[in-house]
Every structure is written in structure tokens, then in C-alpha cells.
Amino acid sequence: MFSRMSITKFTGNYSDNIQRLRETLEKADAVVIGAGAGLSTAAGFTYTGERFQRYFSDFADKYGFRDMYSGGFYPYPLPEEFWAYWSRYIFINRYTDVPKPVYDDLLLLVCDKDYFVITTNVDHCFQKAGFDKKRLFYTQGDYGLFQCSEPCCQETFDNEDTIRQMIERQTDMRIPSELLPVCPHCGRPMTMNLRADDKFVEDEGWHRAAERYENFLRMRGNSRILFLELGVGYNTPVIIKYPFWRMTAQSKAATYACINSGEAVCPTEISEQSICIYSDIGEVLEVLK
């Protein structure tokens, strides 16, 4: 699609880019938001440092890892210990609110627009901020859902009550054995509904959301669409970043905007249709608001 994937890095005056993005947002017939982990990081859901130490210092002292991601992949000797760790992980990243109003500010910018959100985040922050559930597509799962580890069925299960019990009743970095989650159909252990391998369950809700997203894009055709990419990295660029580039290239009426404190880039082929802002997402949304 793009010749040799020639990339244009962030250029231009910050204030000019902000003004251009503001004007594009105002004129847009539709806004498609693509959100990655950087958006939740900007909102305060950090996985290292003080927040990690506050909730996982005992695990860090025992096993030596220094961030939540590493702890999530650690081969714990007992399932009771595995779920002691993961129940805390899920609770603080799914059932608590983000410290900063980044998602609220984003909603204020698009609430009166024809919008849709596609995200690789699994922390449910969009719905907690008040985004319309029928305008959201969580492609990679949800911390708030269990699935069978086999899986024996394409079904997911709400986990809030179980997770809260695990939090309340765990001692010495273990949960009671009777709280270990098992599939109600086959009795195998449950796991998180997170896309990690080919066992990820795409349930009925997932497929409905995928269909709504595809219909949204198809029905907008060549209208003035703003593809607004927020905090998307290169772990899974084929889900948001590359499709946004491709769809922008296919329509002269489209605009691609990237806000990222790590790297804001676009292919040279769509540079005239792009706005790249290399800055903190929260600060940019505050200015736009």
C-alpha cells in the first residue's frame, strides 16, 4: 500500500497542529477513535513505579519482577497464588477509576459527533467514562470477563463478584482454593478473556461489536472522517494504526491524526492529510476541550 513504508515523523508547530486538529474535529462528519495502551497510561493507569509497589510489593520482594506485565507472565507454583496476583491486577485496572479525567475530556470532544471507538485496551475505561457501549469495539478482550481455558465454548462470564471475593479473602499471597474459577460447562480452569493465543474466545458480544464497527465504516463512505489515533504503539499495528493509514489513503476527504507521547508518525503518502502531535495525550485533550 505504501511505497517502502516511508515514514514522516512529527513536524510542524505544536500550536498550529492543535488548531488544525480542532478545526478538523469541528468539520468532521464522523470520528473514528483508535485507542491503545498509551491513552490509559496518560489517564494514570501506569504499570510500574509507585502504583506497582503499592499493590504488588510482596510479589516484587518474593519474585523480583518490577512491573505488572512481568508479574502477569510469571510461572507461579500454585493456582491459588496465580489468582491472588491476577485478582489484584484485574481489580485495580478494571474495577477502579483512572486518576485523571482523560477519558472524560475525550468524550466531551466527541459526544455530539457521529463517532465510533476501536481499542486494544481491556480496562473498560471508555464505558466507565460514559461512551455509548454500542459504539465501542474491544478487540482484545476485557479484564472483566472469564473464559474457559480450553475453551470448550465461545462464551464469556462476568468476573466482578469472584474477583472481589479473591481480593477480600486472600492471605499470604494466596486465595482460598474454593475460589479457583472453573468453567460451568466442562469443569476446566477458567482464565482471563485476553487475546494471547488462538484460544481467545470471541463471544457473541465481540462479534456484534465487530459488525457494528464494519457497518459504521462502510456507511460513512467518502464522508469527512477523522481517524483519531491515541496512544497506539507497534505491538499490534495491524488492528488500528495500519488500517487507519490505509483508509485515509483511500479517501481524500479523510484525515488521520496521531497523538502520542512516544512517537507520532505517518507514511509520507498521507502526510498532507495527517496531523501528528508528539505530546502527552491528556495535555492535548485539555487544550482542545
C-alpha atoms as a PDB file:
ATOM      1  CA  MET A   1       0.000   0.000   0.000  1.00  0.00           C
ATOM      2  CA  PHE A   2       2.686   2.489   0.975  1.00  0.00           C
ATOM      3  CA  SER A   3       5.865   2.594  -1.079  1.00  0.00           C
ATOM      4  CA  ARG A   4       8.580   1.145   1.119  1.00  0.00           C
ATOM      5  CA  MET A   5       6.609   2.398   4.153  1.00  0.00           C
ATOM      6  CA  SER A   6       8.427   5.739   4.090  1.00  0.00           C
ATOM      7  CA  ILE A   7       7.570   7.366   7.413  1.00  0.00           C
ATOM      8  CA  THR A   8       7.190  11.048   8.206  1.00  0.00           C
ATOM      9  CA  LYS A   9       7.916  11.923  11.824  1.00  0.00           C
ATOM     10  CA  PHE A  10       6.320  14.678  13.882  1.00  0.00           C
ATOM     11  CA  THR A  11       6.905  18.038  12.257  1.00  0.00           C
ATOM     12  CA  GLY A  12       5.347  21.450  12.433  1.00  0.00           C
ATOM     13  CA  ASN A  13       4.390  23.930  15.068  1.00  0.00           C
ATOM     14  CA  TYR A  14       2.553  22.489  18.076  1.00  0.00           C
ATOM     15  CA  SER A  15       0.023  25.331  18.256  1.00  0.00           C
ATOM     16  CA  ASP A  16      -0.652  25.151  14.525  1.00  0.00           C
ATOM     17  CA  ASN A  17      -1.252  21.404  14.719  1.00  0.00           C
ATOM     18  CA  ILE A  18      -3.601  21.838  17.665  1.00  0.00           C
ATOM     19  CA  GLN A  19      -5.588  24.459  15.770  1.00  0.00           C
ATOM     20  CA  ARG A  20      -5.715  22.299  12.669  1.00  0.00           C
ATOM     21  CA  LEU A  21      -6.945  19.329  14.707  1.00  0.00           C
ATOM     22  CA  ARG A  22      -9.585  21.484  16.376  1.00  0.00           C
ATOM     23  CA  GLU A  23     -10.875  22.708  13.019  1.00  0.00           C
ATOM     24  CA  THR A  24     -10.830  19.197  11.539  1.00  0.00           C
ATOM     25  CA  LEU A  25     -12.778  17.843  14.507  1.00  0.00           C
ATOM     26  CA  GLU A  26     -15.392  20.577  14.156  1.00  0.00           C
ATOM     27  CA  LYS A  27     -15.892  19.936  10.436  1.00  0.00           C
ATOM     28  CA  ALA A  28     -15.760  16.133  10.565  1.00  0.00           C
ATOM     29  CA  ASP A  29     -18.895  14.222   9.612  1.00  0.00           C
ATOM     30  CA  ALA A  30     -17.654  11.262  11.670  1.00  0.00           C
ATOM     31  CA  VAL A  31     -14.837  10.447  14.091  1.00  0.00           C
ATOM     32  CA  VAL A  32     -13.237   7.045  14.442  1.00  0.00           C
ATOM     33  CA  ILE A  33     -11.139   6.811  17.612  1.00  0.00           C
ATOM     34  CA  GLY A  34      -8.401   4.207  17.736  1.00  0.00           C
ATOM     35  CA  ALA A  35      -7.065   3.816  21.255  1.00  0.00           C
ATOM     36  CA  GLY A  36      -4.036   1.965  22.564  1.00  0.00           C
ATOM     37  CA  ALA A  37      -2.337   1.498  25.912  1.00  0.00           C
ATOM     38  CA  GLY A  38      -0.854   4.990  25.799  1.00  0.00           C
ATOM     39  CA  LEU A  39      -4.298   6.508  26.337  1.00  0.00           C
ATOM     40  CA  SER A  40      -4.829   4.707  29.644  1.00  0.00           C
ATOM     41  CA  THR A  41      -1.249   5.464  30.652  1.00  0.00           C
ATOM     42  CA  ALA A  42      -1.953   9.156  30.089  1.00  0.00           C
ATOM     43  CA  ALA A  43      -5.045   8.756  32.278  1.00  0.00           C
ATOM     44  CA  GLY A  44      -2.945   7.361  35.135  1.00  0.00           C
ATOM     45  CA  PHE A  45      -3.167   3.592  34.682  1.00  0.00           C
ATOM     46  CA  THR A  46       0.583   3.046  34.931  1.00  0.00           C
ATOM     47  CA  TYR A  47       2.008  -0.452  35.375  1.00  0.00           C
ATOM     48  CA  THR A  48       5.309   0.428  37.018  1.00  0.00           C
ATOM     49  CA  GLY A  49       6.659   2.659  39.764  1.00  0.00           C
ATOM     50  CA  GLU A  50       4.640   3.764  42.771  1.00  0.00           C
ATOM     51  CA  ARG A  51       1.390   2.209  41.610  1.00  0.00           C
ATOM     52  CA  PHE A  52       3.039  -1.172  41.131  1.00  0.00           C
ATOM     53  CA  GLN A  53       4.754  -1.002  44.508  1.00  0.00           C
ATOM     54  CA  ARG A  54       1.538  -0.010  46.265  1.00  0.00           C
ATOM     55  CA  TYR A  55      -0.310  -3.148  45.169  1.00  0.00           C
ATOM     56  CA  PHE A  56       2.406  -5.722  44.457  1.00  0.00           C
ATOM     57  CA  SER A  57       5.381  -5.044  46.738  1.00  0.00           C
ATOM     58  CA  ASP A  58       5.023  -8.501  48.339  1.00  0.00           C
ATOM     59  CA  PHE A  59       5.175 -10.229  44.947  1.00  0.00           C
ATOM     60  CA  ALA A  60       8.061  -7.990  43.879  1.00  0.00           C
ATOM     61  CA  ASP A  61      10.029  -8.853  47.014  1.00  0.00           C
ATOM     62  CA  LYS A  62       9.433 -12.585  46.591  1.00  0.00           C
ATOM     63  CA  TYR A  63       9.939 -12.967  42.837  1.00  0.00           C
ATOM     64  CA  GLY A  64      11.978  -9.929  41.800  1.00  0.00           C
ATOM     65  CA  PHE A  65       9.867  -8.513  38.982  1.00  0.00           C
ATOM     66  CA  ARG A  66       9.310  -4.754  38.888  1.00  0.00           C
ATOM     67  CA  ASP A  67       6.206  -4.204  36.748  1.00  0.00           C
ATOM     68  CA  MET A  68       2.712  -5.607  36.424  1.00  0.00           C
ATOM     69  CA  TYR A  69       3.233  -7.093  32.962  1.00  0.00           C
ATOM     70  CA  SER A  70       6.142  -9.220  34.132  1.00  0.00           C
ATOM     71  CA  GLY A  71       4.121 -10.415  37.110  1.00  0.00           C
ATOM     72  CA  GLY A  72       1.298 -11.426  34.816  1.00  0.00           C
ATOM     73  CA  PHE A  73       3.563 -13.861  32.947  1.00  0.00           C
ATOM     74  CA  TYR A  74       5.345 -15.276  35.989  1.00  0.00           C
ATOM     75  CA  PRO A  75       5.018 -19.102  36.385  1.00  0.00           C
ATOM     76  CA  TYR A  76       3.523 -19.187  39.878  1.00  0.00           C
ATOM     77  CA  PRO A  77       3.858 -22.570  41.622  1.00  0.00           C
ATOM     78  CA  LEU A  78       0.207 -22.686  42.728  1.00  0.00           C
ATOM     79  CA  PRO A  79      -3.034 -21.560  41.041  1.00  0.00           C
ATOM     80  CA  GLU A  80      -4.056 -20.008  44.365  1.00  0.00           C
ATOM     81  CA  GLU A  81      -1.033 -17.699  44.110  1.00  0.00           C
ATOM     82  CA  PHE A  82      -1.607 -17.035  40.417  1.00  0.00           C
ATOM     83  CA  TRP A  83      -5.120 -15.813  41.155  1.00  0.00           C
ATOM     84  CA  ALA A  84      -4.014 -13.798  44.174  1.00  0.00           C
ATOM     85  CA  TYR A  85      -1.831 -11.831  41.791  1.00  0.00           C
ATOM     86  CA  TRP A  86      -4.318 -11.626  38.949  1.00  0.00           C
ATOM     87  CA  SER A  87      -7.282 -10.696  41.134  1.00  0.00           C
ATOM     88  CA  ARG A  88      -5.372  -7.624  42.323  1.00  0.00           C
ATOM     89  CA  TYR A  89      -4.273  -6.890  38.759  1.00  0.00           C
ATOM     90  CA  ILE A  90      -7.807  -7.099  37.413  1.00  0.00           C
ATOM     91  CA  PHE A  91      -9.331  -5.191  40.310  1.00  0.00           C
ATOM     92  CA  ILE A  92      -7.105  -2.118  40.075  1.00  0.00           C
ATOM     93  CA  ASN A  93      -7.087  -1.995  36.269  1.00  0.00           C
ATOM     94  CA  ARG A  94     -10.759  -2.779  35.655  1.00  0.00           C
ATOM     95  CA  TYR A  95     -12.862  -2.008  38.711  1.00  0.00           C
ATOM     96  CA  THR A  96     -11.213   1.215  39.917  1.00  0.00           C
ATOM     97  CA  ASP A  97     -11.402   4.593  38.204  1.00  0.00           C
ATOM     98  CA  VAL A  98      -8.491   6.189  36.385  1.00  0.00           C
ATOM     99  CA  PRO A  99      -6.868   9.046  38.340  1.00  0.00           C
ATOM    100  CA  LYS A 100      -7.032  11.627  35.537  1.00  0.00           C
ATOM    101  CA  PRO A 101     -10.063  12.831  33.513  1.00  0.00           C
ATOM    102  CA  VAL A 102      -8.538  11.971  30.121  1.00  0.00           C
ATOM    103  CA  TYR A 103     -11.412   9.730  29.002  1.00  0.00           C
ATOM    104  CA  ASP A 104     -13.957  12.275  30.241  1.00  0.00           C
ATOM    105  CA  ASP A 105     -12.240  15.023  28.233  1.00  0.00           C
ATOM    106  CA  LEU A 106     -12.228  12.826  25.147  1.00  0.00           C
ATOM    107  CA  LEU A 107     -15.946  12.144  25.489  1.00  0.00           C
ATOM    108  CA  LEU A 108     -16.651  15.877  25.730  1.00  0.00           C
ATOM    109  CA  LEU A 109     -14.918  16.354  22.385  1.00  0.00           C
ATOM    110  CA  VAL A 110     -16.933  13.724  20.509  1.00  0.00           C
ATOM    111  CA  CYS A 111     -20.222  13.306  22.386  1.00  0.00           C
ATOM    112  CA  ASP A 112     -22.074  15.468  19.833  1.00  0.00           C
ATOM    113  CA  LYS A 113     -20.338  13.820  16.873  1.00  0.00           C
ATOM    114  CA  ASP A 114     -21.030  10.649  14.933  1.00  0.00           C
ATOM    115  CA  TYR A 115     -18.274   8.548  16.497  1.00  0.00           C
ATOM    116  CA  PHE A 116     -17.034   5.003  16.958  1.00  0.00           C
ATOM    117  CA  VAL A 117     -14.214   3.604  19.093  1.00  0.00           C
ATOM    118  CA  ILE A 118     -11.942   0.670  18.332  1.00  0.00           C
ATOM    119  CA  THR A 119      -9.465  -0.157  21.085  1.00  0.00           C
ATOM    120  CA  THR A 120      -6.911  -2.751  22.063  1.00  0.00           C
ATOM    121  CA  ASN A 121      -7.310  -1.698  25.702  1.00  0.00           C
ATOM    122  CA  VAL A 122      -9.062  -4.154  28.017  1.00  0.00           C
ATOM    123  CA  ASP A 123      -9.656  -1.919  31.038  1.00  0.00           C
ATOM    124  CA  HIS A 124     -13.238  -0.780  30.271  1.00  0.00           C
ATOM    125  CA  CYS A 125     -12.338   2.918  30.690  1.00  0.00           C
ATOM    126  CA  PHE A 126     -14.479   4.057  27.763  1.00  0.00           C
ATOM    127  CA  GLN A 127     -17.691   2.668  29.209  1.00  0.00           C
ATOM    128  CA  LYS A 128     -16.884   3.936  32.686  1.00  0.00           C
ATOM    129  CA  ALA A 129     -16.481   7.426  31.213  1.00  0.00           C
ATOM    130  CA  GLY A 130     -19.905   7.221  29.587  1.00  0.00           C
ATOM    131  CA  PHE A 131     -19.158   6.295  25.974  1.00  0.00           C
ATOM    132  CA  ASP A 132     -22.046   4.534  24.238  1.00  0.00           C
ATOM    133  CA  LYS A 133     -21.495   0.785  24.566  1.00  0.00           C
ATOM    134  CA  LYS A 134     -22.881   0.256  21.047  1.00  0.00           C
ATOM    135  CA  ARG A 135     -20.132   2.490  19.663  1.00  0.00           C
ATOM    136  CA  LEU A 136     -17.263   0.500  21.192  1.00  0.00           C
ATOM    137  CA  PHE A 137     -15.257  -2.434  19.880  1.00  0.00           C
ATOM    138  CA  TYR A 138     -12.846  -4.036  22.362  1.00  0.00           C
ATOM    139  CA  THR A 139     -10.802  -6.206  20.019  1.00  0.00           C
ATOM    140  CA  GLN A 140      -8.506  -7.845  22.561  1.00  0.00           C
ATOM    141  CA  GLY A 141     -10.901  -8.816  25.353  1.00  0.00           C
ATOM    142  CA  ASP A 142     -11.909  -7.480  28.745  1.00  0.00           C
ATOM    143  CA  TYR A 143     -10.313  -7.783  32.185  1.00  0.00           C
ATOM    144  CA  GLY A 144     -13.873  -8.120  33.492  1.00  0.00           C
ATOM    145  CA  LEU A 145     -14.532 -11.452  31.774  1.00  0.00           C
ATOM    146  CA  PHE A 146     -13.512 -15.063  32.349  1.00  0.00           C
ATOM    147  CA  GLN A 147     -13.456 -17.738  29.668  1.00  0.00           C
ATOM    148  CA  CYS A 148     -12.821 -21.460  29.647  1.00  0.00           C
ATOM    149  CA  SER A 149      -9.102 -22.183  29.285  1.00  0.00           C
ATOM    150  CA  GLU A 150      -9.734 -24.961  26.721  1.00  0.00           C
ATOM    151  CA  PRO A 151     -12.041 -23.338  25.529  1.00  0.00           C
ATOM    152  CA  CYS A 152     -14.989 -25.707  25.379  1.00  0.00           C
ATOM    153  CA  CYS A 153     -17.384 -22.954  24.260  1.00  0.00           C
ATOM    154  CA  GLN A 154     -17.406 -19.472  22.739  1.00  0.00           C
ATOM    155  CA  GLU A 155     -18.825 -17.926  25.902  1.00  0.00           C
ATOM    156  CA  THR A 156     -17.522 -15.440  28.463  1.00  0.00           C
ATOM    157  CA  PHE A 157     -18.501 -14.890  32.108  1.00  0.00           C
ATOM    158  CA  ASP A 158     -18.601 -11.749  34.248  1.00  0.00           C
ATOM    159  CA  ASN A 159     -15.985 -11.956  36.987  1.00  0.00           C
ATOM    160  CA  GLU A 160     -16.544  -8.963  39.266  1.00  0.00           C
ATOM    161  CA  ASP A 161     -18.078 -10.829  42.206  1.00  0.00           C
ATOM    162  CA  THR A 162     -15.406 -13.539  42.089  1.00  0.00           C
ATOM    163  CA  ILE A 163     -12.563 -11.048  41.760  1.00  0.00           C
ATOM    164  CA  ARG A 164     -13.811  -9.028  44.724  1.00  0.00           C
ATOM    165  CA  GLN A 165     -14.032 -12.181  46.835  1.00  0.00           C
ATOM    166  CA  MET A 166     -10.473 -13.108  45.840  1.00  0.00           C
ATOM    167  CA  ILE A 167      -9.307  -9.671  46.930  1.00  0.00           C
ATOM    168  CA  GLU A 168     -11.109  -9.781  50.268  1.00  0.00           C
ATOM    169  CA  ARG A 169     -10.208 -13.350  51.224  1.00  0.00           C
ATOM    170  CA  GLN A 170      -6.606 -13.754  50.065  1.00  0.00           C
ATOM    171  CA  THR A 171      -3.873 -14.162  52.677  1.00  0.00           C
ATOM    172  CA  ASP A 172      -0.135 -14.745  52.341  1.00  0.00           C
ATOM    173  CA  MET A 173      -0.400 -14.115  48.581  1.00  0.00           C
ATOM    174  CA  ARG A 174      -2.926 -16.909  48.039  1.00  0.00           C
ATOM    175  CA  ILE A 175      -6.672 -17.149  47.565  1.00  0.00           C
ATOM    176  CA  PRO A 176      -8.799 -19.922  49.132  1.00  0.00           C
ATOM    177  CA  SER A 177      -8.877 -22.979  46.880  1.00  0.00           C
ATOM    178  CA  GLU A 178     -12.676 -22.914  46.718  1.00  0.00           C
ATOM    179  CA  LEU A 179     -12.476 -19.589  44.846  1.00  0.00           C
ATOM    180  CA  LEU A 180     -10.479 -21.021  41.926  1.00  0.00           C
ATOM    181  CA  PRO A 181     -12.673 -20.315  38.884  1.00  0.00           C
ATOM    182  CA  VAL A 182     -13.790 -23.294  36.791  1.00  0.00           C
ATOM    183  CA  CYS A 183     -15.839 -23.495  33.622  1.00  0.00           C
ATOM    184  CA  PRO A 184     -19.508 -24.215  34.429  1.00  0.00           C
ATOM    185  CA  HIS A 185     -19.771 -26.400  31.320  1.00  0.00           C
ATOM    186  CA  CYS A 186     -16.702 -28.660  31.395  1.00  0.00           C
ATOM    187  CA  GLY A 187     -15.105 -28.051  34.815  1.00  0.00           C
ATOM    188  CA  ARG A 188     -11.725 -26.990  33.398  1.00  0.00           C
ATOM    189  CA  PRO A 189      -9.923 -23.982  34.907  1.00  0.00           C
ATOM    190  CA  MET A 190     -11.090 -20.575  33.771  1.00  0.00           C
ATOM    191  CA  THR A 191      -8.711 -17.920  32.501  1.00  0.00           C
ATOM    192  CA  MET A 192      -8.919 -14.242  31.543  1.00  0.00           C
ATOM    193  CA  ASN A 193     -10.647 -13.257  28.309  1.00  0.00           C
ATOM    194  CA  LEU A 194      -7.500 -11.653  26.893  1.00  0.00           C
ATOM    195  CA  ARG A 195      -6.112 -12.280  23.425  1.00  0.00           C
ATOM    196  CA  ALA A 196      -2.830 -14.094  23.993  1.00  0.00           C
ATOM    197  CA  ASP A 197      -3.095 -17.105  21.663  1.00  0.00           C
ATOM    198  CA  ASP A 198      -5.541 -18.983  19.444  1.00  0.00           C
ATOM    199  CA  LYS A 199      -7.662 -19.915  22.474  1.00  0.00           C
ATOM    200  CA  PHE A 200      -9.068 -16.403  22.842  1.00  0.00           C
ATOM    201  CA  VAL A 201     -12.870 -16.507  22.916  1.00  0.00           C
ATOM    202  CA  GLU A 202     -14.677 -14.156  20.561  1.00  0.00           C
ATOM    203  CA  ASP A 203     -18.146 -14.373  22.062  1.00  0.00           C
ATOM    204  CA  GLU A 204     -21.460 -13.146  20.670  1.00  0.00           C
ATOM    205  CA  GLY A 205     -20.913  -9.644  22.067  1.00  0.00           C
ATOM    206  CA  TRP A 206     -17.495  -9.452  20.408  1.00  0.00           C
ATOM    207  CA  HIS A 207     -18.934 -10.375  17.021  1.00  0.00           C
ATOM    208  CA  ARG A 208     -21.798  -7.880  17.334  1.00  0.00           C
ATOM    209  CA  ALA A 209     -19.329  -5.105  18.117  1.00  0.00           C
ATOM    210  CA  ALA A 210     -17.115  -6.093  15.181  1.00  0.00           C
ATOM    211  CA  GLU A 211     -20.125  -5.990  12.859  1.00  0.00           C
ATOM    212  CA  ARG A 212     -21.205  -2.563  14.144  1.00  0.00           C
ATOM    213  CA  TYR A 213     -17.682  -1.229  13.546  1.00  0.00           C
ATOM    214  CA  GLU A 214     -17.575  -2.599   9.991  1.00  0.00           C
ATOM    215  CA  ASN A 215     -21.038  -1.172   9.261  1.00  0.00           C
ATOM    216  CA  PHE A 216     -20.036   2.220  10.654  1.00  0.00           C
ATOM    217  CA  LEU A 217     -17.049   2.429   8.314  1.00  0.00           C
ATOM    218  CA  ARG A 218     -18.946   1.137   5.293  1.00  0.00           C
ATOM    219  CA  MET A 219     -21.898   3.518   5.667  1.00  0.00           C
ATOM    220  CA  ARG A 220     -19.708   6.629   6.002  1.00  0.00           C
ATOM    221  CA  GLY A 221     -18.101   6.015   2.612  1.00  0.00           C
ATOM    222  CA  ASN A 222     -16.226   9.081   1.410  1.00  0.00           C
ATOM    223  CA  SER A 223     -17.569  11.459   4.060  1.00  0.00           C
ATOM    224  CA  ARG A 224     -15.225  13.655   6.054  1.00  0.00           C
ATOM    225  CA  ILE A 225     -13.897  11.126   8.571  1.00  0.00           C
ATOM    226  CA  LEU A 226     -11.330  11.937  11.220  1.00  0.00           C
ATOM    227  CA  PHE A 227      -9.296   8.871  12.162  1.00  0.00           C
ATOM    228  CA  LEU A 228      -8.063   9.862  15.624  1.00  0.00           C
ATOM    229  CA  GLU A 229      -5.316   7.566  16.884  1.00  0.00           C
ATOM    230  CA  LEU A 230      -4.449   7.884  20.586  1.00  0.00           C
ATOM    231  CA  GLY A 231      -1.530   6.118  22.276  1.00  0.00           C
ATOM    232  CA  VAL A 232      -1.208   3.264  19.781  1.00  0.00           C
ATOM    233  CA  GLY A 233       2.196   1.588  19.586  1.00  0.00           C
ATOM    234  CA  TYR A 234       3.653  -1.145  17.429  1.00  0.00           C
ATOM    235  CA  ASN A 235       2.676  -4.251  19.415  1.00  0.00           C
ATOM    236  CA  THR A 236      -0.400  -4.796  17.253  1.00  0.00           C
ATOM    237  CA  PRO A 237      -0.302  -2.134  14.484  1.00  0.00           C
ATOM    238  CA  VAL A 238      -2.480  -4.235  12.157  1.00  0.00           C
ATOM    239  CA  ILE A 239      -5.545  -3.593  14.339  1.00  0.00           C
ATOM    240  CA  ILE A 240      -5.623   0.213  14.379  1.00  0.00           C
ATOM    241  CA  LYS A 241      -2.572   2.015  13.000  1.00  0.00           C
ATOM    242  CA  TYR A 242      -2.164   0.351   9.585  1.00  0.00           C
ATOM    243  CA  PRO A 243      -5.916   0.245   8.819  1.00  0.00           C
ATOM    244  CA  PHE A 244      -6.208   3.953   9.727  1.00  0.00           C
ATOM    245  CA  TRP A 245      -3.346   4.746   7.333  1.00  0.00           C
ATOM    246  CA  ARG A 246      -4.921   2.628   4.582  1.00  0.00           C
ATOM    247  CA  MET A 247      -8.410   4.122   4.950  1.00  0.00           C
ATOM    248  CA  THR A 248      -7.012   7.657   4.971  1.00  0.00           C
ATOM    249  CA  ALA A 249      -5.085   6.946   1.758  1.00  0.00           C
ATOM    250  CA  GLN A 250      -8.249   5.616   0.128  1.00  0.00           C
ATOM    251  CA  SER A 251     -10.286   8.785   0.756  1.00  0.00           C
ATOM    252  CA  LYS A 252      -9.149  12.341   0.057  1.00  0.00           C
ATOM    253  CA  ALA A 253     -11.882  13.549   2.417  1.00  0.00           C
ATOM    254  CA  ALA A 254     -10.348  11.673   5.387  1.00  0.00           C
ATOM    255  CA  THR A 255      -7.850  12.973   7.927  1.00  0.00           C
ATOM    256  CA  TYR A 256      -5.504  10.913  10.061  1.00  0.00           C
ATOM    257  CA  ALA A 257      -4.498  12.399  13.429  1.00  0.00           C
ATOM    258  CA  CYS A 258      -1.999  10.776  15.776  1.00  0.00           C
ATOM    259  CA  ILE A 259      -1.378  11.927  19.342  1.00  0.00           C
ATOM    260  CA  ASN A 260       1.372  10.005  21.092  1.00  0.00           C
ATOM    261  CA  SER A 261       3.985  10.938  23.678  1.00  0.00           C
ATOM    262  CA  GLY A 262       6.228   8.150  22.392  1.00  0.00           C
ATOM    263  CA  GLU A 263       6.158   8.664  18.649  1.00  0.00           C
ATOM    264  CA  ALA A 264       3.715  10.396  16.317  1.00  0.00           C
ATOM    265  CA  VAL A 265       4.312   9.403  12.692  1.00  0.00           C
ATOM    266  CA  CYS A 266       2.566   8.726   9.400  1.00  0.00           C
ATOM    267  CA  PRO A 267       3.504   7.453   5.929  1.00  0.00           C
ATOM    268  CA  THR A 268       4.706  10.151   3.539  1.00  0.00           C
ATOM    269  CA  GLU A 269       1.887   9.151   1.167  1.00  0.00           C
ATOM    270  CA  ILE A 270      -0.709  10.622   3.528  1.00  0.00           C
ATOM    271  CA  SER A 271       1.365  13.375   5.151  1.00  0.00           C
ATOM    272  CA  GLU A 272      -0.805  16.118   3.618  1.00  0.00           C
ATOM    273  CA  GLN A 273      -3.870  14.510   5.188  1.00  0.00           C
ATOM    274  CA  SER A 274      -2.246  13.900   8.571  1.00  0.00           C
ATOM    275  CA  ILE A 275      -1.807  15.707  11.868  1.00  0.00           C
ATOM    276  CA  CYS A 276       0.921  14.236  14.090  1.00  0.00           C
ATOM    277  CA  ILE A 277       1.266  15.594  17.619  1.00  0.00           C
ATOM    278  CA  TYR A 278       4.165  14.268  19.652  1.00  0.00           C
ATOM    279  CA  SER A 279       2.908  15.134  23.128  1.00  0.00           C
ATOM    280  CA  ASP A 280       1.047  13.933  26.216  1.00  0.00           C
ATOM    281  CA  ILE A 281      -2.478  12.903  25.217  1.00  0.00           C
ATOM    282  CA  GLY A 282      -4.062  14.333  28.355  1.00  0.00           C
ATOM    283  CA  GLU A 283      -2.496  17.740  27.803  1.00  0.00           C
ATOM    284  CA  VAL A 284      -3.618  17.862  24.186  1.00  0.00           C
ATOM    285  CA  LEU A 285      -7.195  16.880  25.035  1.00  0.00           C
ATOM    286  CA  GLU A 286      -7.275  19.511  27.758  1.00  0.00           C
ATOM    287  CA  VAL A 287      -6.210  22.177  25.275  1.00  0.00           C
ATOM    288  CA  LEU A 288      -8.747  21.004  22.690  1.00  0.00           C
ATOM    289  CA  LYS A 289     -11.514  20.955  25.300  1.00  0.00           C
END
